[in-house]
Amino acid sequence: MHYVYLLQSESFSDQRYVGMASDVQRRPSDHNAGKSPHTSKFLPWKLVTYVAFSDEQKARTFERYLKSGSGTPSLENGSGKRRRRAVAARSG
């Protein structure tokens, strides 16, 4: 299986990280151990969610989508805070 996962910094709640791994249980530990330069500044991290794929290419495609500007609203926790701020800034 291939997993696309979402981490959120426990110290900086606005910091999120999307990644892909074949071992979704180990990867958050690697991030918290400082093994990734992209996430080491915002320790510690918690696993928010993950999606399992049997096809690696589909997992990569989904990971790229979430990391793109188009996929960013999909990462919101349902509050839509980023989207509302952008609309308020345009209308105000």
N, C-alpha and C. Protein backbone atom coordinates (compact mmCIF):
# COMPACT_ATOMS: atom_id res chain seq x y z
N MET A 1 0.84 -1.18 0.00
CA MET A 1 0.00 0.00 0.00
C MET A 1 0.88 1.24 0.00
N HIS A 2 0.31 2.32 -0.52
CA HIS A 2 0.97 3.62 -0.57
C HIS A 2 0.02 4.61 0.09
N TYR A 3 0.57 5.43 0.96
CA TYR A 3 -0.25 6.34 1.75
C TYR A 3 0.13 7.79 1.49
N VAL A 4 -0.88 8.62 1.32
CA VAL A 4 -0.69 10.07 1.29
C VAL A 4 -1.19 10.55 2.64
N TYR A 5 -0.35 11.30 3.35
CA TYR A 5 -0.69 11.66 4.71
C TYR A 5 -0.60 13.17 4.92
N LEU A 6 -1.32 13.63 5.93
CA LEU A 6 -1.32 15.04 6.31
C LEU A 6 -0.86 15.15 7.75
N LEU A 7 0.19 15.93 7.96
CA LEU A 7 0.68 16.23 9.30
C LEU A 7 0.35 17.68 9.63
N GLN A 8 0.15 17.94 10.90
CA GLN A 8 -0.04 19.31 11.36
C GLN A 8 0.90 19.53 12.54
N SER A 9 1.57 20.69 12.52
CA SER A 9 2.48 21.02 13.61
C SER A 9 1.67 21.28 14.88
N GLU A 10 2.13 20.72 15.97
CA GLU A 10 1.46 20.96 17.26
C GLU A 10 1.87 22.30 17.85
N SER A 11 3.01 22.84 17.42
CA SER A 11 3.50 24.12 17.94
C SER A 11 3.06 25.30 17.08
N PHE A 12 2.87 25.07 15.79
CA PHE A 12 2.49 26.11 14.83
C PHE A 12 1.28 25.58 14.07
N SER A 13 0.09 25.83 14.58
CA SER A 13 -1.12 25.19 14.04
C SER A 13 -1.40 25.53 12.58
N ASP A 14 -0.81 26.60 12.07
CA ASP A 14 -1.04 26.94 10.67
C ASP A 14 -0.09 26.19 9.72
N GLN A 15 0.82 25.40 10.27
CA GLN A 15 1.78 24.65 9.45
C GLN A 15 1.29 23.23 9.23
N ARG A 16 1.16 22.87 7.95
CA ARG A 16 0.75 21.52 7.57
C ARG A 16 1.75 20.97 6.58
N TYR A 17 1.83 19.67 6.52
CA TYR A 17 2.73 19.01 5.58
C TYR A 17 2.04 17.81 4.98
N VAL A 18 2.11 17.69 3.66
CA VAL A 18 1.56 16.55 2.94
C VAL A 18 2.73 15.72 2.43
N GLY A 19 2.65 14.43 2.62
CA GLY A 19 3.71 13.54 2.14
C GLY A 19 3.14 12.21 1.70
N MET A 20 4.04 11.37 1.20
CA MET A 20 3.65 10.04 0.75
C MET A 20 4.64 9.04 1.31
N ALA A 21 4.15 7.89 1.72
CA ALA A 21 5.01 6.85 2.30
C ALA A 21 4.36 5.49 2.15
N SER A 22 5.21 4.48 2.23
CA SER A 22 4.67 3.11 2.24
C SER A 22 4.45 2.64 3.67
N ASP A 23 5.01 3.35 4.64
CA ASP A 23 4.83 3.02 6.06
C ASP A 23 4.32 4.27 6.79
N VAL A 24 3.02 4.43 6.84
CA VAL A 24 2.42 5.64 7.40
C VAL A 24 2.59 5.73 8.92
N GLN A 25 2.89 4.63 9.56
CA GLN A 25 3.12 4.66 11.00
C GLN A 25 4.51 5.19 11.35
N ARG A 26 5.49 4.90 10.49
CA ARG A 26 6.86 5.31 10.76
C ARG A 26 7.14 6.76 10.36
N ARG A 27 6.55 7.25 9.28
CA ARG A 27 6.89 8.57 8.75
C ARG A 27 6.70 9.71 9.74
N PRO A 28 5.60 9.79 10.48
CA PRO A 28 5.50 10.89 11.45
C PRO A 28 6.64 10.86 12.47
N SER A 29 7.09 9.68 12.87
CA SER A 29 8.22 9.56 13.79
C SER A 29 9.49 10.11 13.15
N ASP A 30 9.68 9.83 11.86
CA ASP A 30 10.84 10.37 11.15
C ASP A 30 10.80 11.89 11.12
N HIS A 31 9.63 12.44 10.85
CA HIS A 31 9.50 13.90 10.84
C HIS A 31 9.80 14.47 12.22
N ASN A 32 9.28 13.85 13.25
CA ASN A 32 9.50 14.34 14.62
C ASN A 32 10.93 14.15 15.10
N ALA A 33 11.66 13.27 14.46
CA ALA A 33 13.08 13.07 14.79
C ALA A 33 13.97 14.05 14.04
N GLY A 34 13.36 14.93 13.24
CA GLY A 34 14.13 15.94 12.51
C GLY A 34 14.80 15.42 11.26
N LYS A 35 14.35 14.29 10.73
CA LYS A 35 14.98 13.69 9.56
C LYS A 35 14.59 14.37 8.25
N SER A 36 13.64 15.27 8.28
CA SER A 36 13.24 16.01 7.08
C SER A 36 13.49 17.49 7.29
N PRO A 37 14.34 18.09 6.45
CA PRO A 37 14.62 19.52 6.62
C PRO A 37 13.38 20.40 6.44
N HIS A 38 12.41 19.92 5.68
CA HIS A 38 11.20 20.71 5.42
C HIS A 38 10.30 20.82 6.65
N THR A 39 10.39 19.84 7.54
CA THR A 39 9.49 19.84 8.69
C THR A 39 10.20 20.06 10.03
N SER A 40 11.53 20.06 10.03
CA SER A 40 12.27 20.13 11.29
C SER A 40 12.09 21.45 12.04
N LYS A 41 11.68 22.50 11.34
CA LYS A 41 11.52 23.81 11.99
C LYS A 41 10.24 23.91 12.82
N PHE A 42 9.29 23.02 12.59
CA PHE A 42 7.98 23.16 13.20
C PHE A 42 7.59 21.96 14.07
N LEU A 43 8.55 21.33 14.70
CA LEU A 43 8.31 20.17 15.57
C LEU A 43 7.47 20.55 16.78
N PRO A 44 6.73 19.64 17.35
CA PRO A 44 6.43 18.27 16.90
C PRO A 44 5.24 18.27 15.94
N TRP A 45 5.10 17.16 15.23
CA TRP A 45 4.03 16.97 14.26
C TRP A 45 3.08 15.88 14.74
N LYS A 46 1.82 16.01 14.35
CA LYS A 46 0.85 14.94 14.61
C LYS A 46 0.22 14.54 13.29
N LEU A 47 -0.09 13.27 13.17
CA LEU A 47 -0.76 12.74 11.99
C LEU A 47 -2.23 13.11 12.07
N VAL A 48 -2.71 13.84 11.06
CA VAL A 48 -4.11 14.27 11.04
C VAL A 48 -4.96 13.23 10.32
N THR A 49 -4.49 12.82 9.14
CA THR A 49 -5.24 11.84 8.36
C THR A 49 -4.34 11.24 7.29
N TYR A 50 -4.79 10.16 6.70
CA TYR A 50 -4.08 9.57 5.57
C TYR A 50 -5.08 8.85 4.67
N VAL A 51 -4.67 8.68 3.41
CA VAL A 51 -5.47 7.97 2.42
C VAL A 51 -4.60 6.87 1.85
N ALA A 52 -5.14 5.66 1.78
CA ALA A 52 -4.39 4.51 1.28
C ALA A 52 -4.71 4.27 -0.20
N PHE A 53 -3.66 3.96 -0.96
CA PHE A 53 -3.78 3.66 -2.38
C PHE A 53 -3.06 2.35 -2.66
N SER A 54 -3.64 1.50 -3.48
CA SER A 54 -2.94 0.29 -3.90
C SER A 54 -2.01 0.60 -5.08
N ASP A 55 -2.28 1.68 -5.80
CA ASP A 55 -1.49 2.08 -6.96
C ASP A 55 -0.60 3.27 -6.61
N GLU A 56 0.72 3.08 -6.73
CA GLU A 56 1.67 4.13 -6.36
C GLU A 56 1.49 5.40 -7.19
N GLN A 57 1.25 5.26 -8.49
CA GLN A 57 1.09 6.44 -9.34
C GLN A 57 -0.13 7.26 -8.93
N LYS A 58 -1.21 6.60 -8.55
CA LYS A 58 -2.40 7.33 -8.10
C LYS A 58 -2.10 8.06 -6.79
N ALA A 59 -1.31 7.44 -5.93
CA ALA A 59 -0.92 8.10 -4.68
C ALA A 59 -0.09 9.34 -4.98
N ARG A 60 0.87 9.23 -5.88
CA ARG A 60 1.71 10.39 -6.24
C ARG A 60 0.88 11.51 -6.85
N THR A 61 -0.04 11.14 -7.69
CA THR A 61 -0.91 12.15 -8.32
C THR A 61 -1.74 12.88 -7.27
N PHE A 62 -2.28 12.14 -6.32
CA PHE A 62 -3.08 12.74 -5.26
C PHE A 62 -2.22 13.63 -4.36
N GLU A 63 -1.02 13.18 -4.05
CA GLU A 63 -0.10 13.99 -3.24
C GLU A 63 0.20 15.31 -3.95
N ARG A 64 0.51 15.26 -5.25
CA ARG A 64 0.79 16.49 -6.01
C ARG A 64 -0.42 17.40 -6.03
N TYR A 65 -1.62 16.83 -6.17
CA TYR A 65 -2.84 17.62 -6.15
C TYR A 65 -2.99 18.36 -4.82
N LEU A 66 -2.78 17.66 -3.71
CA LEU A 66 -2.92 18.31 -2.40
C LEU A 66 -1.88 19.39 -2.19
N LYS A 67 -0.69 19.21 -2.76
CA LYS A 67 0.37 20.20 -2.61
C LYS A 67 0.19 21.39 -3.55
N SER A 68 -0.68 21.25 -4.54
CA SER A 68 -0.91 22.32 -5.50
C SER A 68 -1.87 23.36 -4.92
N GLY A 69 -1.96 24.48 -5.55
CA GLY A 69 -2.91 25.50 -5.14
C GLY A 69 -4.35 25.00 -5.22
N SER A 70 -4.63 24.15 -6.18
CA SER A 70 -5.99 23.61 -6.33
C SER A 70 -6.37 22.71 -5.17
N GLY A 71 -5.41 21.98 -4.65
CA GLY A 71 -5.69 21.04 -3.57
C GLY A 71 -5.70 21.65 -2.19
N THR A 72 -5.21 22.88 -2.05
CA THR A 72 -5.11 23.50 -0.73
C THR A 72 -6.44 23.58 0.00
N PRO A 73 -7.55 24.00 -0.64
CA PRO A 73 -8.82 24.02 0.10
C PRO A 73 -9.25 22.65 0.60
N SER A 74 -8.80 21.58 -0.04
CA SER A 74 -9.14 20.23 0.41
C SER A 74 -8.52 19.92 1.76
N LEU A 75 -7.47 20.64 2.13
CA LEU A 75 -6.78 20.38 3.38
C LEU A 75 -7.42 21.10 4.56
N GLU A 76 -8.34 21.99 4.32
CA GLU A 76 -8.98 22.71 5.41
C GLU A 76 -9.77 21.75 6.28
N ASN A 77 -9.92 22.09 7.53
CA ASN A 77 -10.62 21.20 8.47
C ASN A 77 -12.13 21.42 8.45
N GLY A 78 -12.62 22.05 7.40
CA GLY A 78 -14.05 22.30 7.31
C GLY A 78 -14.42 23.71 7.71
N SER A 79 -13.49 24.43 8.31
CA SER A 79 -13.81 25.79 8.76
C SER A 79 -13.78 26.77 7.61
N GLY A 80 -12.99 26.50 6.57
CA GLY A 80 -12.91 27.40 5.43
C GLY A 80 -12.26 28.74 5.75
N LYS A 81 -11.48 28.81 6.82
CA LYS A 81 -10.90 30.08 7.26
C LYS A 81 -10.09 30.76 6.17
N ARG A 82 -9.24 30.04 5.49
CA ARG A 82 -8.41 30.66 4.45
C ARG A 82 -9.28 31.22 3.34
N ARG A 83 -10.25 30.46 2.93
CA ARG A 83 -11.10 30.90 1.83
C ARG A 83 -11.89 32.14 2.22
N ARG A 84 -12.45 32.19 3.42
CA ARG A 84 -13.22 33.35 3.86
C ARG A 84 -12.36 34.60 3.94
N ARG A 85 -11.14 34.46 4.44
CA ARG A 85 -10.25 35.62 4.54
C ARG A 85 -9.97 36.19 3.17
N ALA A 86 -9.74 35.31 2.20
CA ALA A 86 -9.43 35.79 0.86
C ALA A 86 -10.64 36.52 0.26
N VAL A 87 -11.82 36.00 0.49
CA VAL A 87 -13.04 36.64 -0.03
C VAL A 87 -13.26 37.96 0.67
N ALA A 88 -13.07 38.00 1.99
CA ALA A 88 -13.28 39.23 2.74
C ALA A 88 -12.29 40.30 2.29
N ALA A 89 -11.06 39.89 2.00
CA ALA A 89 -10.05 40.86 1.56
C ALA A 89 -10.42 41.45 0.20
N ARG A 90 -11.01 40.64 -0.67
CA ARG A 90 -11.41 41.13 -1.99
C ARG A 90 -12.63 42.03 -1.92
N SER A 91 -13.55 41.70 -1.03
CA SER A 91 -14.80 42.46 -1.00
C SER A 91 -14.70 43.70 -0.11
N GLY A 92 -13.71 43.74 0.78
CA GLY A 92 -13.62 44.84 1.73
C GLY A 92 -12.65 45.85 1.29
